[in-house]
Amino acid sequence: MKKFCIAMTLILAIGTTHLFAQDWPTRAVRIIVPFGPGSTPDIVARLVADRLQTRLGVSVVVENKPGASGNTGTDVVAKAEPTDIRSA
């Protein structure tokens, strides 16, 4: 449950970033779900991705990385290349 709450917090944080940086994102957004396809977090992430794609005008991709009790997905996020977010 704790990992689900963390994943939902990250999804909501991604959804509100457009309030602060009007020129972001300049490329596709990836949402990493550390659970299998068809699970509740996956369904919620896909619903959020659909709304984000409409509002931001860029592709939003949901990637499922299940395994090791969520550690596989967390590892993918930790090793992802940095984005081009500029500090205010």
PDB file of N, CA and C in Angstrom:
ATOM      1  N   MET A   1       0.818  -1.193   0.000  1.00  0.00           N
ATOM      2  CA  MET A   1       0.000   0.000   0.000  1.00  0.00           C
ATOM      3  C   MET A   1       0.868   1.266   0.000  1.00  0.00           C
ATOM      4  N   LYS A   2       1.991   1.166   0.723  1.00  0.00           N
ATOM      5  CA  LYS A   2       2.879   2.324   0.796  1.00  0.00           C
ATOM      6  C   LYS A   2       3.434   2.670  -0.586  1.00  0.00           C
ATOM      7  N   LYS A   3       3.811   1.640  -1.346  1.00  0.00           N
ATOM      8  CA  LYS A   3       4.357   1.881  -2.682  1.00  0.00           C
ATOM      9  C   LYS A   3       3.288   2.425  -3.619  1.00  0.00           C
ATOM     10  N   PHE A   4       2.061   1.979  -3.429  1.00  0.00           N
ATOM     11  CA  PHE A   4       0.950   2.507  -4.231  1.00  0.00           C
ATOM     12  C   PHE A   4       0.777   3.999  -3.968  1.00  0.00           C
ATOM     13  N   CYS A   5       0.844   4.393  -2.700  1.00  0.00           N
ATOM     14  CA  CYS A   5       0.702   5.812  -2.354  1.00  0.00           C
ATOM     15  C   CYS A   5       1.843   6.639  -2.941  1.00  0.00           C
ATOM     16  N   ILE A   6       3.046   6.087  -2.912  1.00  0.00           N
ATOM     17  CA  ILE A   6       4.188   6.795  -3.492  1.00  0.00           C
ATOM     18  C   ILE A   6       4.001   6.952  -4.996  1.00  0.00           C
ATOM     19  N   ALA A   7       3.559   5.877  -5.656  1.00  0.00           N
ATOM     20  CA  ALA A   7       3.340   5.946  -7.107  1.00  0.00           C
ATOM     21  C   ALA A   7       2.268   6.972  -7.449  1.00  0.00           C
ATOM     22  N   MET A   8       1.189   7.012  -6.680  1.00  0.00           N
ATOM     23  CA  MET A   8       0.118   7.973  -6.945  1.00  0.00           C
ATOM     24  C   MET A   8       0.598   9.401  -6.703  1.00  0.00           C
ATOM     25  N   THR A   9       1.428   9.593  -5.686  1.00  0.00           N
ATOM     26  CA  THR A   9       1.974  10.926  -5.421  1.00  0.00           C
ATOM     27  C   THR A   9       2.825  11.390  -6.595  1.00  0.00           C
ATOM     28  N   LEU A  10       3.639  10.489  -7.141  1.00  0.00           N
ATOM     29  CA  LEU A  10       4.461  10.842  -8.304  1.00  0.00           C
ATOM     30  C   LEU A  10       3.607  11.171  -9.516  1.00  0.00           C
ATOM     31  N   ILE A  11       2.543  10.403  -9.708  1.00  0.00           N
ATOM     32  CA  ILE A  11       1.651  10.664 -10.841  1.00  0.00           C
ATOM     33  C   ILE A  11       0.991  12.020 -10.689  1.00  0.00           C
ATOM     34  N   LEU A  12       0.528  12.350  -9.489  1.00  0.00           N
ATOM     35  CA  LEU A  12      -0.103  13.647  -9.265  1.00  0.00           C
ATOM     36  C   LEU A  12       0.905  14.785  -9.394  1.00  0.00           C
ATOM     37  N   ALA A  13       2.135  14.542  -8.973  1.00  0.00           N
ATOM     38  CA  ALA A  13       3.165  15.573  -9.107  1.00  0.00           C
ATOM     39  C   ALA A  13       3.453  15.858 -10.570  1.00  0.00           C
ATOM     40  N   ILE A  14       3.472  14.821 -11.386  1.00  0.00           N
ATOM     41  CA  ILE A  14       3.684  15.016 -12.820  1.00  0.00           C
ATOM     42  C   ILE A  14       2.538  15.823 -13.418  1.00  0.00           C
ATOM     43  N   GLY A  15       1.328  15.576 -12.924  1.00  0.00           N
ATOM     44  CA  GLY A  15       0.152  16.258 -13.461  1.00  0.00           C
ATOM     45  C   GLY A  15       0.097  17.734 -13.128  1.00  0.00           C
ATOM     46  N   THR A  16       0.792  18.166 -12.083  1.00  0.00           N
ATOM     47  CA  THR A  16       0.729  19.573 -11.703  1.00  0.00           C
ATOM     48  C   THR A  16       1.955  20.374 -12.130  1.00  0.00           C
ATOM     49  N   THR A  17       2.944  19.731 -12.728  1.00  0.00           N
ATOM     50  CA  THR A  17       4.151  20.475 -13.106  1.00  0.00           C
ATOM     51  C   THR A  17       3.893  21.503 -14.194  1.00  0.00           C
ATOM     52  N   HIS A  18       2.871  21.311 -15.008  1.00  0.00           N
ATOM     53  CA  HIS A  18       2.604  22.278 -16.071  1.00  0.00           C
ATOM     54  C   HIS A  18       2.146  23.624 -15.507  1.00  0.00           C
ATOM     55  N   LEU A  19       1.789  23.668 -14.233  1.00  0.00           N
ATOM     56  CA  LEU A  19       1.408  24.938 -13.616  1.00  0.00           C
ATOM     57  C   LEU A  19       2.618  25.845 -13.409  1.00  0.00           C
ATOM     58  N   PHE A  20       3.803  25.258 -13.283  1.00  0.00           N
ATOM     59  CA  PHE A  20       4.991  26.027 -12.969  1.00  0.00           C
ATOM     60  C   PHE A  20       5.903  26.264 -14.168  1.00  0.00           C
ATOM     61  N   ALA A  21       5.918  25.385 -15.116  1.00  0.00           N
ATOM     62  CA  ALA A  21       6.802  25.512 -16.272  1.00  0.00           C
ATOM     63  C   ALA A  21       5.970  25.415 -17.537  1.00  0.00           C
ATOM     64  N   GLN A  22       5.640  26.522 -18.117  1.00  0.00           N
ATOM     65  CA  GLN A  22       4.740  26.539 -19.258  1.00  0.00           C
ATOM     66  C   GLN A  22       5.348  25.959 -20.518  1.00  0.00           C
ATOM     67  N   ASP A  23       6.675  25.948 -20.642  1.00  0.00           N
ATOM     68  CA  ASP A  23       7.297  25.416 -21.843  1.00  0.00           C
ATOM     69  C   ASP A  23       7.706  23.951 -21.702  1.00  0.00           C
ATOM     70  N   TRP A  24       7.343  23.323 -20.629  1.00  0.00           N
ATOM     71  CA  TRP A  24       7.672  21.921 -20.401  1.00  0.00           C
ATOM     72  C   TRP A  24       6.441  21.098 -20.624  1.00  0.00           C
ATOM     73  N   PRO A  25       6.465  19.940 -21.133  1.00  0.00           N
ATOM     74  CA  PRO A  25       7.600  19.169 -21.607  1.00  0.00           C
ATOM     75  C   PRO A  25       7.843  19.396 -23.088  1.00  0.00           C
ATOM     76  N   THR A  26       9.048  19.172 -23.483  1.00  0.00           N
ATOM     77  CA  THR A  26       9.393  19.319 -24.890  1.00  0.00           C
ATOM     78  C   THR A  26       9.481  17.969 -25.592  1.00  0.00           C
ATOM     79  N   ARG A  27       9.345  16.892 -24.847  1.00  0.00           N
ATOM     80  CA  ARG A  27       9.370  15.541 -25.417  1.00  0.00           C
ATOM     81  C   ARG A  27       8.368  14.660 -24.678  1.00  0.00           C
ATOM     82  N   ALA A  28       8.252  13.430 -25.091  1.00  0.00           N
ATOM     83  CA  ALA A  28       7.263  12.514 -24.516  1.00  0.00           C
ATOM     84  C   ALA A  28       7.505  12.318 -23.014  1.00  0.00           C
ATOM     85  N   VAL A  29       6.418  12.151 -22.285  1.00  0.00           N
ATOM     86  CA  VAL A  29       6.470  11.918 -20.844  1.00  0.00           C
ATOM     87  C   VAL A  29       6.296  10.427 -20.599  1.00  0.00           C
ATOM     88  N   ARG A  30       7.134   9.865 -19.737  1.00  0.00           N
ATOM     89  CA  ARG A  30       7.018   8.446 -19.369  1.00  0.00           C
ATOM     90  C   ARG A  30       6.534   8.341 -17.939  1.00  0.00           C
ATOM     91  N   ILE A  31       5.523   7.526 -17.733  1.00  0.00           N
ATOM     92  CA  ILE A  31       5.060   7.204 -16.386  1.00  0.00           C
ATOM     93  C   ILE A  31       5.424   5.748 -16.150  1.00  0.00           C
ATOM     94  N   ILE A  32       6.264   5.513 -15.146  1.00  0.00           N
ATOM     95  CA  ILE A  32       6.690   4.161 -14.815  1.00  0.00           C
ATOM     96  C   ILE A  32       5.783   3.634 -13.708  1.00  0.00           C
ATOM     97  N   VAL A  33       5.134   2.495 -13.970  1.00  0.00           N
ATOM     98  CA  VAL A  33       4.269   1.850 -12.981  1.00  0.00           C
ATOM     99  C   VAL A  33       4.972   0.569 -12.542  1.00  0.00           C
ATOM    100  N   PRO A  34       5.336   0.466 -11.247  1.00  0.00           N
ATOM    101  CA  PRO A  34       6.076  -0.714 -10.795  1.00  0.00           C
ATOM    102  C   PRO A  34       5.179  -1.924 -10.513  1.00  0.00           C
ATOM    103  N   PHE A  35       4.097  -2.041 -11.218  1.00  0.00           N
ATOM    104  CA  PHE A  35       3.168  -3.157 -11.056  1.00  0.00           C
ATOM    105  C   PHE A  35       2.782  -3.666 -12.436  1.00  0.00           C
ATOM    106  N   GLY A  36       2.189  -4.828 -12.486  1.00  0.00           N
ATOM    107  CA  GLY A  36       1.837  -5.465 -13.742  1.00  0.00           C
ATOM    108  C   GLY A  36       0.691  -4.783 -14.469  1.00  0.00           C
ATOM    109  N   PRO A  37       0.570  -5.060 -15.772  1.00  0.00           N
ATOM    110  CA  PRO A  37      -0.536  -4.516 -16.560  1.00  0.00           C
ATOM    111  C   PRO A  37      -1.874  -5.034 -16.030  1.00  0.00           C
ATOM    112  N   GLY A  38      -2.856  -4.163 -16.012  1.00  0.00           N
ATOM    113  CA  GLY A  38      -4.188  -4.541 -15.544  1.00  0.00           C
ATOM    114  C   GLY A  38      -4.393  -4.351 -14.059  1.00  0.00           C
ATOM    115  N   SER A  39      -3.333  -4.019 -13.326  1.00  0.00           N
ATOM    116  CA  SER A  39      -3.478  -3.777 -11.892  1.00  0.00           C
ATOM    117  C   SER A  39      -4.097  -2.397 -11.674  1.00  0.00           C
ATOM    118  N   THR A  40      -4.553  -2.157 -10.466  1.00  0.00           N
ATOM    119  CA  THR A  40      -5.192  -0.872 -10.163  1.00  0.00           C
ATOM    120  C   THR A  40      -4.257   0.311 -10.423  1.00  0.00           C
ATOM    121  N   PRO A  41      -2.989   0.284  -9.979  1.00  0.00           N
ATOM    122  CA  PRO A  41      -2.106   1.419 -10.293  1.00  0.00           C
ATOM    123  C   PRO A  41      -1.920   1.626 -11.796  1.00  0.00           C
ATOM    124  N   ASP A  42      -1.901   0.544 -12.563  1.00  0.00           N
ATOM    125  CA  ASP A  42      -1.764   0.651 -14.015  1.00  0.00           C
ATOM    126  C   ASP A  42      -2.981   1.336 -14.618  1.00  0.00           C
ATOM    127  N   ILE A  43      -4.164   0.947 -14.188  1.00  0.00           N
ATOM    128  CA  ILE A  43      -5.387   1.545 -14.715  1.00  0.00           C
ATOM    129  C   ILE A  43      -5.449   3.031 -14.380  1.00  0.00           C
ATOM    130  N   VAL A  44      -5.113   3.376 -13.141  1.00  0.00           N
ATOM    131  CA  VAL A  44      -5.124   4.787 -12.731  1.00  0.00           C
ATOM    132  C   VAL A  44      -4.084   5.572 -13.520  1.00  0.00           C
ATOM    133  N   ALA A  45      -2.900   5.005 -13.704  1.00  0.00           N
ATOM    134  CA  ALA A  45      -1.841   5.687 -14.462  1.00  0.00           C
ATOM    135  C   ALA A  45      -2.277   5.933 -15.905  1.00  0.00           C
ATOM    136  N   ARG A  46      -2.980   4.977 -16.503  1.00  0.00           N
ATOM    137  CA  ARG A  46      -3.440   5.156 -17.884  1.00  0.00           C
ATOM    138  C   ARG A  46      -4.532   6.218 -17.984  1.00  0.00           C
ATOM    139  N   LEU A  47      -5.388   6.294 -16.972  1.00  0.00           N
ATOM    140  CA  LEU A  47      -6.402   7.355 -16.961  1.00  0.00           C
ATOM    141  C   LEU A  47      -5.744   8.729 -16.825  1.00  0.00           C
ATOM    142  N   VAL A  48      -4.759   8.823 -15.940  1.00  0.00           N
ATOM    143  CA  VAL A  48      -4.036  10.086 -15.756  1.00  0.00           C
ATOM    144  C   VAL A  48      -3.247  10.428 -17.017  1.00  0.00           C
ATOM    145  N   ALA A  49      -2.633   9.431 -17.645  1.00  0.00           N
ATOM    146  CA  ALA A  49      -1.849   9.668 -18.859  1.00  0.00           C
ATOM    147  C   ALA A  49      -2.723  10.210 -19.980  1.00  0.00           C
ATOM    148  N   ASP A  50      -3.935   9.689 -20.086  1.00  0.00           N
ATOM    149  CA  ASP A  50      -4.848  10.168 -21.122  1.00  0.00           C
ATOM    150  C   ASP A  50      -5.169  11.645 -20.913  1.00  0.00           C
ATOM    151  N   ARG A  51      -5.444  12.020 -19.684  1.00  0.00           N
ATOM    152  CA  ARG A  51      -5.731  13.439 -19.383  1.00  0.00           C
ATOM    153  C   ARG A  51      -4.505  14.315 -19.601  1.00  0.00           C
ATOM    154  N   LEU A  52      -3.335  13.832 -19.173  1.00  0.00           N
ATOM    155  CA  LEU A  52      -2.109  14.614 -19.360  1.00  0.00           C
ATOM    156  C   LEU A  52      -1.804  14.827 -20.835  1.00  0.00           C
ATOM    157  N   GLN A  53      -2.018  13.797 -21.626  1.00  0.00           N
ATOM    158  CA  GLN A  53      -1.759  13.909 -23.060  1.00  0.00           C
ATOM    159  C   GLN A  53      -2.654  14.964 -23.685  1.00  0.00           C
ATOM    160  N   THR A  54      -3.902  15.016 -23.243  1.00  0.00           N
ATOM    161  CA  THR A  54      -4.831  16.019 -23.755  1.00  0.00           C
ATOM    162  C   THR A  54      -4.415  17.424 -23.327  1.00  0.00           C
ATOM    163  N   ARG A  55      -4.036  17.578 -22.074  1.00  0.00           N
ATOM    164  CA  ARG A  55      -3.719  18.910 -21.544  1.00  0.00           C
ATOM    165  C   ARG A  55      -2.353  19.420 -21.973  1.00  0.00           C
ATOM    166  N   LEU A  56      -1.359  18.527 -22.052  1.00  0.00           N
ATOM    167  CA  LEU A  56      -0.005  18.964 -22.377  1.00  0.00           C
ATOM    168  C   LEU A  56       0.288  18.971 -23.869  1.00  0.00           C
ATOM    169  N   GLY A  57      -0.430  18.170 -24.617  1.00  0.00           N
ATOM    170  CA  GLY A  57      -0.223  18.134 -26.055  1.00  0.00           C
ATOM    171  C   GLY A  57       0.997  17.337 -26.498  1.00  0.00           C
ATOM    172  N   VAL A  58       1.532  16.493 -25.635  1.00  0.00           N
ATOM    173  CA  VAL A  58       2.642  15.619 -25.986  1.00  0.00           C
ATOM    174  C   VAL A  58       2.258  14.184 -25.658  1.00  0.00           C
ATOM    175  N   SER A  59       3.004  13.250 -26.195  1.00  0.00           N
ATOM    176  CA  SER A  59       2.736  11.842 -25.911  1.00  0.00           C
ATOM    177  C   SER A  59       3.060  11.519 -24.458  1.00  0.00           C
ATOM    178  N   VAL A  60       2.185  10.748 -23.832  1.00  0.00           N
ATOM    179  CA  VAL A  60       2.411  10.268 -22.471  1.00  0.00           C
ATOM    180  C   VAL A  60       2.365   8.747 -22.542  1.00  0.00           C
ATOM    181  N   VAL A  61       3.467   8.105 -22.167  1.00  0.00           N
ATOM    182  CA  VAL A  61       3.601   6.662 -22.269  1.00  0.00           C
ATOM    183  C   VAL A  61       3.618   6.055 -20.876  1.00  0.00           C
ATOM    184  N   VAL A  62       2.787   5.033 -20.660  1.00  0.00           N
ATOM    185  CA  VAL A  62       2.776   4.299 -19.398  1.00  0.00           C
ATOM    186  C   VAL A  62       3.572   3.022 -19.607  1.00  0.00           C
ATOM    187  N   GLU A  63       4.619   2.848 -18.798  1.00  0.00           N
ATOM    188  CA  GLU A  63       5.464   1.657 -18.887  1.00  0.00           C
ATOM    189  C   GLU A  63       5.311   0.855 -17.602  1.00  0.00           C
ATOM    190  N   ASN A  64       4.983  -0.423 -17.744  1.00  0.00           N
ATOM    191  CA  ASN A  64       4.876  -1.305 -16.595  1.00  0.00           C
ATOM    192  C   ASN A  64       6.211  -2.012 -16.388  1.00  0.00           C
ATOM    193  N   LYS A  65       6.736  -1.925 -15.185  1.00  0.00           N
ATOM    194  CA  LYS A  65       7.989  -2.584 -14.819  1.00  0.00           C
ATOM    195  C   LYS A  65       7.761  -3.370 -13.527  1.00  0.00           C
ATOM    196  N   PRO A  66       6.998  -4.468 -13.611  1.00  0.00           N
ATOM    197  CA  PRO A  66       6.717  -5.236 -12.397  1.00  0.00           C
ATOM    198  C   PRO A  66       7.912  -6.091 -11.985  1.00  0.00           C
ATOM    199  N   GLY A  67       7.899  -6.491 -10.742  1.00  0.00           N
ATOM    200  CA  GLY A  67       8.919  -7.411 -10.249  1.00  0.00           C
ATOM    201  C   GLY A  67       9.624  -6.890  -9.021  1.00  0.00           C
ATOM    202  N   ALA A  68      10.061  -7.819  -8.200  1.00  0.00           N
ATOM    203  CA  ALA A  68      10.848  -7.521  -6.993  1.00  0.00           C
ATOM    204  C   ALA A  68      10.119  -6.547  -6.072  1.00  0.00           C
ATOM    205  N   SER A  69       8.817  -6.731  -5.939  1.00  0.00           N
ATOM    206  CA  SER A  69       7.989  -5.895  -5.057  1.00  0.00           C
ATOM    207  C   SER A  69       8.117  -4.403  -5.366  1.00  0.00           C
ATOM    208  N   GLY A  70       8.208  -4.061  -6.620  1.00  0.00           N
ATOM    209  CA  GLY A  70       8.285  -2.665  -7.038  1.00  0.00           C
ATOM    210  C   GLY A  70       9.696  -2.135  -7.209  1.00  0.00           C
ATOM    211  N   ASN A  71      10.687  -2.908  -6.834  1.00  0.00           N
ATOM    212  CA  ASN A  71      12.072  -2.442  -6.938  1.00  0.00           C
ATOM    213  C   ASN A  71      12.534  -2.302  -8.378  1.00  0.00           C
ATOM    214  N   THR A  72      12.008  -3.109  -9.272  1.00  0.00           N
ATOM    215  CA  THR A  72      12.402  -3.023 -10.682  1.00  0.00           C
ATOM    216  C   THR A  72      11.990  -1.672 -11.265  1.00  0.00           C
ATOM    217  N   GLY A  73      10.756  -1.259 -11.014  1.00  0.00           N
ATOM    218  CA  GLY A  73      10.281   0.032 -11.497  1.00  0.00           C
ATOM    219  C   GLY A  73      11.023   1.191 -10.859  1.00  0.00           C
ATOM    220  N   THR A  74      11.294   1.070  -9.573  1.00  0.00           N
ATOM    221  CA  THR A  74      12.037   2.116  -8.865  1.00  0.00           C
ATOM    222  C   THR A  74      13.443   2.247  -9.431  1.00  0.00           C
ATOM    223  N   ASP A  75      14.068   1.130  -9.771  1.00  0.00           N
ATOM    224  CA  ASP A  75      15.406   1.143 -10.353  1.00  0.00           C
ATOM    225  C   ASP A  75      15.416   1.848 -11.708  1.00  0.00           C
ATOM    226  N   VAL A  76      14.388   1.616 -12.509  1.00  0.00           N
ATOM    227  CA  VAL A  76      14.293   2.273 -13.814  1.00  0.00           C
ATOM    228  C   VAL A  76      14.202   3.790 -13.648  1.00  0.00           C
ATOM    229  N   VAL A  77      13.397   4.231 -12.680  1.00  0.00           N
ATOM    230  CA  VAL A  77      13.254   5.669 -12.436  1.00  0.00           C
ATOM    231  C   VAL A  77      14.570   6.254 -11.918  1.00  0.00           C
ATOM    232  N   ALA A  78      15.232   5.535 -11.022  1.00  0.00           N
ATOM    233  CA  ALA A  78      16.482   6.039 -10.444  1.00  0.00           C
ATOM    234  C   ALA A  78      17.577   6.175 -11.496  1.00  0.00           C
ATOM    235  N   LYS A  79      17.572   5.293 -12.507  1.00  0.00           N
ATOM    236  CA  LYS A  79      18.622   5.314 -13.531  1.00  0.00           C
ATOM    237  C   LYS A  79      18.223   6.056 -14.798  1.00  0.00           C
ATOM    238  N   ALA A  80      17.066   6.703 -14.783  1.00  0.00           N
ATOM    239  CA  ALA A  80      16.605   7.437 -15.959  1.00  0.00           C
ATOM    240  C   ALA A  80      17.478   8.671 -16.178  1.00  0.00           C
ATOM    241  N   GLU A  81      17.582   9.058 -17.436  1.00  0.00           N
ATOM    242  CA  GLU A  81      18.376  10.248 -17.738  1.00  0.00           C
ATOM    243  C   GLU A  81      17.638  11.497 -17.231  1.00  0.00           C
ATOM    244  N   PRO A  82      18.356  12.504 -16.806  1.00  0.00           N
ATOM    245  CA  PRO A  82      17.732  13.715 -16.280  1.00  0.00           C
ATOM    246  C   PRO A  82      16.915  14.436 -17.356  1.00  0.00           C
ATOM    247  N   THR A  83      15.923  15.127 -16.906  1.00  0.00           N
ATOM    248  CA  THR A  83      15.106  15.913 -17.841  1.00  0.00           C
ATOM    249  C   THR A  83      15.706  17.296 -17.993  1.00  0.00           C
ATOM    250  N   ASP A  84      15.094  18.093 -18.848  1.00  0.00           N
ATOM    251  CA  ASP A  84      15.601  19.438 -19.105  1.00  0.00           C
ATOM    252  C   ASP A  84      14.831  20.489 -18.319  1.00  0.00           C
ATOM    253  N   ILE A  85      14.431  20.147 -17.087  1.00  0.00           N
ATOM    254  CA  ILE A  85      13.699  21.104 -16.251  1.00  0.00           C
ATOM    255  C   ILE A  85      14.682  22.157 -15.758  1.00  0.00           C
ATOM    256  N   ARG A  86      14.316  23.395 -15.933  1.00  0.00           N
ATOM    257  CA  ARG A  86      15.161  24.504 -15.489  1.00  0.00           C
ATOM    258  C   ARG A  86      14.706  24.993 -14.132  1.00  0.00           C
ATOM    259  N   SER A  87      15.667  25.368 -13.295  1.00  0.00           N
ATOM    260  CA  SER A  87      15.305  25.896 -11.972  1.00  0.00           C
ATOM    261  C   SER A  87      14.800  27.334 -12.133  1.00  0.00           C
ATOM    262  N   ALA A  88      13.864  27.681 -11.291  1.00  0.00           N
ATOM    263  CA  ALA A  88      13.237  29.012 -11.388  1.00  0.00           C
ATOM    264  C   ALA A  88      14.054  30.063 -10.716  1.00  0.00           C
TER     265      ALA A  88
END
